[in-house]
Structures are given as structure tokens and as C-alpha cells.
Amino acid sequence: MRSYITASLLLGLASLSSAAPTLMSRSTIIDISGAVNGWASDTSQVSQFLSSAKGMSGEALQSRAQTILAVAQDEPLEKKKLDDLLAPDASVKAAGEILERPDVFKVVVDNLSNLANGGASMTPLEVAAQIDGINETRCKNVLPAIDTYFKVASEKLNNGVRALANRPNNCPT
């Protein structure tokens, strides 16, 4: 349900923003909306995988992890677009610095890569350790930083939409 609500809010982002009073060009509005929608889709797909991966095994796990790794590797492209479009916002700069730390996003990609390359031969405990490692970093650092980007984008678009990055159902508390 949460991913449906998040996706519904984001799908409305472009249409709401085009009607919002703003001094931005239509192409900038479309670019910001597209980058947020793309990043939200990527984070949602990764979160859905992380919510179910502990119950997967063998080739199914490895194959799905390969797909999700490619999706996760697309996220920095959306970040870069928003870095350029939302500059010089200080909160975006701070969130970007968090994402660029080697102990943050790289941990997510490295663990997804482990699953994508060797998940078929991993034990359930090994799979759980990879997922827990991803979620520890992703839920604590990555997703809140993405929320900051989405918040600033919404403010810049002046569209009244408060988008959040979709969380997996197994984020540590």
C-alpha cells in the first residue's frame, strides 16, 4: 500500500507542477519532475526487492538481484540531474555529500553486487546478512537523503506534493 501511495503522489507530480505558479521554464519543470519520478521509481523497485529478498534463493534471487543492481546504479544519474537542477540549495548539497560518502551508497551497490554475482550459492544466512547490510545503510542514510532531494524539488515546483522515497518493510528501527 505504501508504495502505491508514493507512486500515486509521484505520478501526479508533473501534472500538478505544470499548473503551479513558478518562474521556472516548462522544460525545467519537466526535467525536475522527470528526475524525481525516475529516482522514486528506482528506489521503489530496490525497496520492493529488499522487502522480499530474504525469502528468495538460488537463481531467482541472483537474477532479480542483477536487475535491481542495474536499477540501483541508475539512481546516481537521477541524483546528478537534481544536483544540477536544484543548485545551489544547501540542504541538497548536504544530502548529496551524504550519498557520496564511500560508506553509504557504495555499500548498497557492493552488497547488491554480491547478491547479483553470487546469490545463487549463498545460504539464507548469507543472503540475510547482505540484505541487513544494505538496509542498515540505506534506511539510515540513503533514503532520508533522497527525501531531502524530493522535498526541495517539491518546494521548487511549488506543487504541494510531499514525496518520500519508498522504504522496504524490513528497515531496522
C-alpha atoms as a PDB file:
ATOM      1  CA  MET A   1       0.000   0.000   0.000  1.00  0.00           C
ATOM      2  CA  ARG A   2       2.757   2.445   0.904  1.00  0.00           C
ATOM      3  CA  SER A   3       4.470   2.062  -2.487  1.00  0.00           C
ATOM      4  CA  TYR A   4       1.132   2.603  -4.246  1.00  0.00           C
ATOM      5  CA  ILE A   5       0.540   5.855  -2.361  1.00  0.00           C
ATOM      6  CA  THR A   6       4.068   7.048  -3.000  1.00  0.00           C
ATOM      7  CA  ALA A   7       3.829   6.151  -6.684  1.00  0.00           C
ATOM      8  CA  SER A   8       0.436   7.862  -6.990  1.00  0.00           C
ATOM      9  CA  LEU A   9       1.804  11.048  -5.461  1.00  0.00           C
ATOM     10  CA  LEU A  10       4.772  11.000  -7.767  1.00  0.00           C
ATOM     11  CA  LEU A  11       2.763  10.332 -10.884  1.00  0.00           C
ATOM     12  CA  GLY A  12       0.813  13.471 -10.107  1.00  0.00           C
ATOM     13  CA  LEU A  13       3.997  15.474  -9.679  1.00  0.00           C
ATOM     14  CA  ALA A  14       4.397  16.517 -13.297  1.00  0.00           C
ATOM     15  CA  SER A  15       0.761  17.451 -13.844  1.00  0.00           C
ATOM     16  CA  LEU A  16       0.498  19.386 -10.598  1.00  0.00           C
ATOM     17  CA  SER A  17       3.739  21.206 -11.193  1.00  0.00           C
ATOM     18  CA  SER A  18       2.699  22.387 -14.634  1.00  0.00           C
ATOM     19  CA  ALA A  19      -0.209  24.259 -13.060  1.00  0.00           C
ATOM     20  CA  ALA A  20       1.800  25.688 -10.153  1.00  0.00           C
ATOM     21  CA  PRO A  21       2.834  29.319 -10.236  1.00  0.00           C
ATOM     22  CA  THR A  22       6.578  29.376 -10.775  1.00  0.00           C
ATOM     23  CA  LEU A  23       9.267  31.361 -12.527  1.00  0.00           C
ATOM     24  CA  MET A  24      10.848  28.228 -13.986  1.00  0.00           C
ATOM     25  CA  SER A  25      10.627  27.290 -17.606  1.00  0.00           C
ATOM     26  CA  ARG A  26       8.336  24.445 -18.588  1.00  0.00           C
ATOM     27  CA  SER A  27      11.348  22.363 -19.598  1.00  0.00           C
ATOM     28  CA  THR A  28      12.913  22.817 -16.129  1.00  0.00           C
ATOM     29  CA  ILE A  29       9.641  21.784 -14.500  1.00  0.00           C
ATOM     30  CA  ILE A  30       9.514  18.691 -16.706  1.00  0.00           C
ATOM     31  CA  ASP A  31      13.177  17.907 -16.014  1.00  0.00           C
ATOM     32  CA  ILE A  32      12.766  18.166 -12.230  1.00  0.00           C
ATOM     33  CA  SER A  33       9.557  16.129 -12.298  1.00  0.00           C
ATOM     34  CA  GLY A  34      11.134  13.505 -14.529  1.00  0.00           C
ATOM     35  CA  ALA A  35      14.213  13.164 -12.331  1.00  0.00           C
ATOM     36  CA  VAL A  36      12.104  12.822  -9.170  1.00  0.00           C
ATOM     37  CA  ASN A  37       9.794  10.308 -10.840  1.00  0.00           C
ATOM     38  CA  GLY A  38      12.736   8.308 -12.175  1.00  0.00           C
ATOM     39  CA  TRP A  39      14.531   8.265  -8.835  1.00  0.00           C
ATOM     40  CA  ALA A  40      11.331   7.404  -6.985  1.00  0.00           C
ATOM     41  CA  SER A  41      10.714   4.501  -9.348  1.00  0.00           C
ATOM     42  CA  ASP A  42      14.265   3.239  -8.839  1.00  0.00           C
ATOM     43  CA  THR A  43      14.103   3.483  -5.033  1.00  0.00           C
ATOM     44  CA  SER A  44      10.708   1.790  -5.015  1.00  0.00           C
ATOM     45  CA  GLN A  45      11.964  -1.155  -7.069  1.00  0.00           C
ATOM     46  CA  VAL A  46      15.015  -1.570  -4.826  1.00  0.00           C
ATOM     47  CA  SER A  47      12.850  -1.343  -1.692  1.00  0.00           C
ATOM     48  CA  GLN A  48      10.420  -3.935  -3.014  1.00  0.00           C
ATOM     49  CA  PHE A  49      13.319  -6.292  -3.712  1.00  0.00           C
ATOM     50  CA  LEU A  50      14.795  -5.744  -0.253  1.00  0.00           C
ATOM     51  CA  SER A  51      11.394  -6.424   1.305  1.00  0.00           C
ATOM     52  CA  SER A  52      11.191  -9.851  -0.335  1.00  0.00           C
ATOM     53  CA  ALA A  53      14.792 -10.953  -0.984  1.00  0.00           C
ATOM     54  CA  LYS A  54      15.250 -12.862   2.275  1.00  0.00           C
ATOM     55  CA  GLY A  55      12.549 -15.264   1.082  1.00  0.00           C
ATOM     56  CA  MET A  56      14.236 -15.848  -2.275  1.00  0.00           C
ATOM     57  CA  SER A  57      17.012 -18.264  -3.108  1.00  0.00           C
ATOM     58  CA  GLY A  58      19.050 -19.715  -5.925  1.00  0.00           C
ATOM     59  CA  GLU A  59      18.880 -18.470  -9.467  1.00  0.00           C
ATOM     60  CA  ALA A  60      15.674 -16.499  -8.801  1.00  0.00           C
ATOM     61  CA  LEU A  61      17.468 -14.435  -6.144  1.00  0.00           C
ATOM     62  CA  GLN A  62      20.549 -13.895  -8.268  1.00  0.00           C
ATOM     63  CA  SER A  63      18.565 -12.982 -11.390  1.00  0.00           C
ATOM     64  CA  ARG A  64      16.370 -10.491  -9.539  1.00  0.00           C
ATOM     65  CA  ALA A  65      19.438  -9.034  -7.786  1.00  0.00           C
ATOM     66  CA  GLN A  66      21.066  -8.463 -11.195  1.00  0.00           C
ATOM     67  CA  THR A  67      18.036  -6.492 -12.331  1.00  0.00           C
ATOM     68  CA  ILE A  68      17.902  -4.495  -9.101  1.00  0.00           C
ATOM     69  CA  LEU A  69      21.628  -3.772  -9.204  1.00  0.00           C
ATOM     70  CA  ALA A  70      21.137  -2.123 -12.602  1.00  0.00           C
ATOM     71  CA  VAL A  71      18.225  -0.115 -11.204  1.00  0.00           C
ATOM     72  CA  ALA A  72      20.294   0.993  -8.189  1.00  0.00           C
ATOM     73  CA  GLN A  73      23.156   2.001 -10.452  1.00  0.00           C
ATOM     74  CA  ASP A  74      20.746   4.332 -12.276  1.00  0.00           C
ATOM     75  CA  GLU A  75      19.998   6.282  -9.096  1.00  0.00           C
ATOM     76  CA  PRO A  76      23.163   8.446  -9.240  1.00  0.00           C
ATOM     77  CA  LEU A  77      22.099   9.628 -12.704  1.00  0.00           C
ATOM     78  CA  GLU A  78      18.829  10.979 -11.290  1.00  0.00           C
ATOM     79  CA  LYS A  79      20.753  12.486  -8.359  1.00  0.00           C
ATOM     80  CA  LYS A  80      23.098  14.272 -10.749  1.00  0.00           C
ATOM     81  CA  LYS A  81      20.178  15.719 -12.698  1.00  0.00           C
ATOM     82  CA  LEU A  82      18.646  17.057  -9.496  1.00  0.00           C
ATOM     83  CA  ASP A  83      22.010  18.328  -8.227  1.00  0.00           C
ATOM     84  CA  ASP A  84      22.180  20.480 -11.347  1.00  0.00           C
ATOM     85  CA  LEU A  85      18.515  21.499 -11.340  1.00  0.00           C
ATOM     86  CA  LEU A  86      18.207  22.285  -7.620  1.00  0.00           C
ATOM     87  CA  ALA A  87      21.559  24.041  -7.141  1.00  0.00           C
ATOM     88  CA  PRO A  88      22.610  25.921  -5.075  1.00  0.00           C
ATOM     89  CA  ASP A  89      20.283  24.608  -2.347  1.00  0.00           C
ATOM     90  CA  ALA A  90      22.301  23.935   0.839  1.00  0.00           C
ATOM     91  CA  SER A  91      20.145  21.022   2.026  1.00  0.00           C
ATOM     92  CA  VAL A  92      20.518  19.279  -1.351  1.00  0.00           C
ATOM     93  CA  LYS A  93      24.268  19.840  -1.174  1.00  0.00           C
ATOM     94  CA  ALA A  94      24.391  18.303   2.329  1.00  0.00           C
ATOM     95  CA  ALA A  95      22.219  15.348   1.272  1.00  0.00           C
ATOM     96  CA  GLY A  96      24.410  14.837  -1.786  1.00  0.00           C
ATOM     97  CA  GLU A  97      27.513  14.766   0.381  1.00  0.00           C
ATOM     98  CA  ILE A  98      25.945  12.011   2.490  1.00  0.00           C
ATOM     99  CA  LEU A  99      25.143   9.940  -0.607  1.00  0.00           C
ATOM    100  CA  GLU A 100      28.650  10.396  -1.983  1.00  0.00           C
ATOM    101  CA  ARG A 101      30.416   9.127   1.147  1.00  0.00           C
ATOM    102  CA  PRO A 102      32.125   5.777   0.447  1.00  0.00           C
ATOM    103  CA  ASP A 103      30.404   4.181   3.450  1.00  0.00           C
ATOM    104  CA  VAL A 104      26.926   4.992   2.158  1.00  0.00           C
ATOM    105  CA  PHE A 105      25.689   4.407  -1.395  1.00  0.00           C
ATOM    106  CA  LYS A 106      28.704   2.281  -2.332  1.00  0.00           C
ATOM    107  CA  VAL A 107      27.780  -0.175   0.460  1.00  0.00           C
ATOM    108  CA  VAL A 108      24.342  -0.629  -1.086  1.00  0.00           C
ATOM    109  CA  VAL A 109      25.769  -1.220  -4.561  1.00  0.00           C
ATOM    110  CA  ASP A 110      28.526  -3.531  -3.282  1.00  0.00           C
ATOM    111  CA  ASN A 111      26.083  -5.734  -1.362  1.00  0.00           C
ATOM    112  CA  LEU A 112      23.646  -5.820  -4.292  1.00  0.00           C
ATOM    113  CA  SER A 113      26.577  -6.771  -6.494  1.00  0.00           C
ATOM    114  CA  ASN A 114      27.431  -9.636  -4.126  1.00  0.00           C
ATOM    115  CA  LEU A 115      23.854 -10.902  -4.477  1.00  0.00           C
ATOM    116  CA  ALA A 116      23.841 -10.369  -8.244  1.00  0.00           C
ATOM    117  CA  ASN A 117      27.101 -12.247  -8.740  1.00  0.00           C
ATOM    118  CA  GLY A 118      26.873 -14.963  -6.093  1.00  0.00           C
ATOM    119  CA  GLY A 119      23.387 -15.001  -4.677  1.00  0.00           C
ATOM    120  CA  ALA A 120      22.572 -18.389  -6.165  1.00  0.00           C
ATOM    121  CA  SER A 121      25.187 -20.073  -3.991  1.00  0.00           C
ATOM    122  CA  MET A 122      24.518 -18.121  -0.782  1.00  0.00           C
ATOM    123  CA  THR A 123      22.925 -19.651   2.276  1.00  0.00           C
ATOM    124  CA  PRO A 124      19.825 -17.962   3.717  1.00  0.00           C
ATOM    125  CA  LEU A 125      22.015 -16.509   6.491  1.00  0.00           C
ATOM    126  CA  GLU A 126      24.429 -15.056   3.952  1.00  0.00           C
ATOM    127  CA  VAL A 127      21.562 -13.542   1.975  1.00  0.00           C
ATOM    128  CA  ALA A 128      20.103 -12.076   5.175  1.00  0.00           C
ATOM    129  CA  ALA A 129      23.478 -10.554   6.075  1.00  0.00           C
ATOM    130  CA  GLN A 130      23.698  -8.861   2.671  1.00  0.00           C
ATOM    131  CA  ILE A 131      20.121  -7.523   2.917  1.00  0.00           C
ATOM    132  CA  ASP A 132      20.621  -6.364   6.504  1.00  0.00           C
ATOM    133  CA  GLY A 133      23.832  -4.583   5.495  1.00  0.00           C
ATOM    134  CA  ILE A 134      22.048  -2.810   2.667  1.00  0.00           C
ATOM    135  CA  ASN A 135      19.072  -1.839   4.823  1.00  0.00           C
ATOM    136  CA  GLU A 136      21.227  -0.591   7.684  1.00  0.00           C
ATOM    137  CA  THR A 137      22.908   1.937   5.401  1.00  0.00           C
ATOM    138  CA  ARG A 138      20.024   2.594   3.050  1.00  0.00           C
ATOM    139  CA  CYS A 139      17.347   3.176   5.681  1.00  0.00           C
ATOM    140  CA  LYS A 140      19.572   5.290   7.926  1.00  0.00           C
ATOM    141  CA  ASN A 141      21.385   7.403   5.326  1.00  0.00           C
ATOM    142  CA  VAL A 142      20.356   6.916   1.711  1.00  0.00           C
ATOM    143  CA  LEU A 143      16.574   7.189   1.881  1.00  0.00           C
ATOM    144  CA  PRO A 144      16.492  10.228   4.205  1.00  0.00           C
ATOM    145  CA  ALA A 145      18.939  11.981   1.866  1.00  0.00           C
ATOM    146  CA  ILE A 146      16.701  11.154  -1.111  1.00  0.00           C
ATOM    147  CA  ASP A 147      13.728  12.515   0.869  1.00  0.00           C
ATOM    148  CA  THR A 148      15.614  15.813   1.119  1.00  0.00           C
ATOM    149  CA  TYR A 149      16.006  15.960  -2.652  1.00  0.00           C
ATOM    150  CA  PHE A 150      12.301  15.224  -3.120  1.00  0.00           C
ATOM    151  CA  LYS A 151      11.319  17.863  -0.549  1.00  0.00           C
ATOM    152  CA  VAL A 152      13.406  20.564  -2.195  1.00  0.00           C
ATOM    153  CA  ALA A 153      12.118  19.579  -5.641  1.00  0.00           C
ATOM    154  CA  SER A 154       8.539  19.884  -4.402  1.00  0.00           C
ATOM    155  CA  GLU A 155       9.280  23.276  -2.865  1.00  0.00           C
ATOM    156  CA  LYS A 156      10.942  24.467  -6.054  1.00  0.00           C
ATOM    157  CA  LEU A 157       7.976  23.252  -8.118  1.00  0.00           C
ATOM    158  CA  ASN A 158       5.573  24.761  -5.582  1.00  0.00           C
ATOM    159  CA  ASN A 159       3.177  21.901  -6.230  1.00  0.00           C
ATOM    160  CA  GLY A 160       2.118  20.927  -2.715  1.00  0.00           C
ATOM    161  CA  VAL A 161       3.265  17.320  -3.182  1.00  0.00           C
ATOM    162  CA  ARG A 162       5.392  15.861  -0.388  1.00  0.00           C
ATOM    163  CA  ALA A 163       7.058  12.814  -1.913  1.00  0.00           C
ATOM    164  CA  LEU A 164       9.089  10.348   0.138  1.00  0.00           C
ATOM    165  CA  ALA A 165      11.414   7.593  -1.009  1.00  0.00           C
ATOM    166  CA  ASN A 166       9.682   4.236  -0.623  1.00  0.00           C
ATOM    167  CA  ARG A 167      11.096   2.168   2.266  1.00  0.00           C
ATOM    168  CA  PRO A 168      11.465  -1.589   2.399  1.00  0.00           C
ATOM    169  CA  ASN A 169       9.252  -3.218   5.029  1.00  0.00           C
ATOM    170  CA  ASN A 170      12.339  -4.510   6.852  1.00  0.00           C
ATOM    171  CA  CYS A 171      14.174  -1.280   7.644  1.00  0.00           C
ATOM    172  CA  PRO A 172      15.857  -1.531  11.033  1.00  0.00           C
ATOM    173  CA  THR A 173      14.247   0.627  13.673  1.00  0.00           C
END
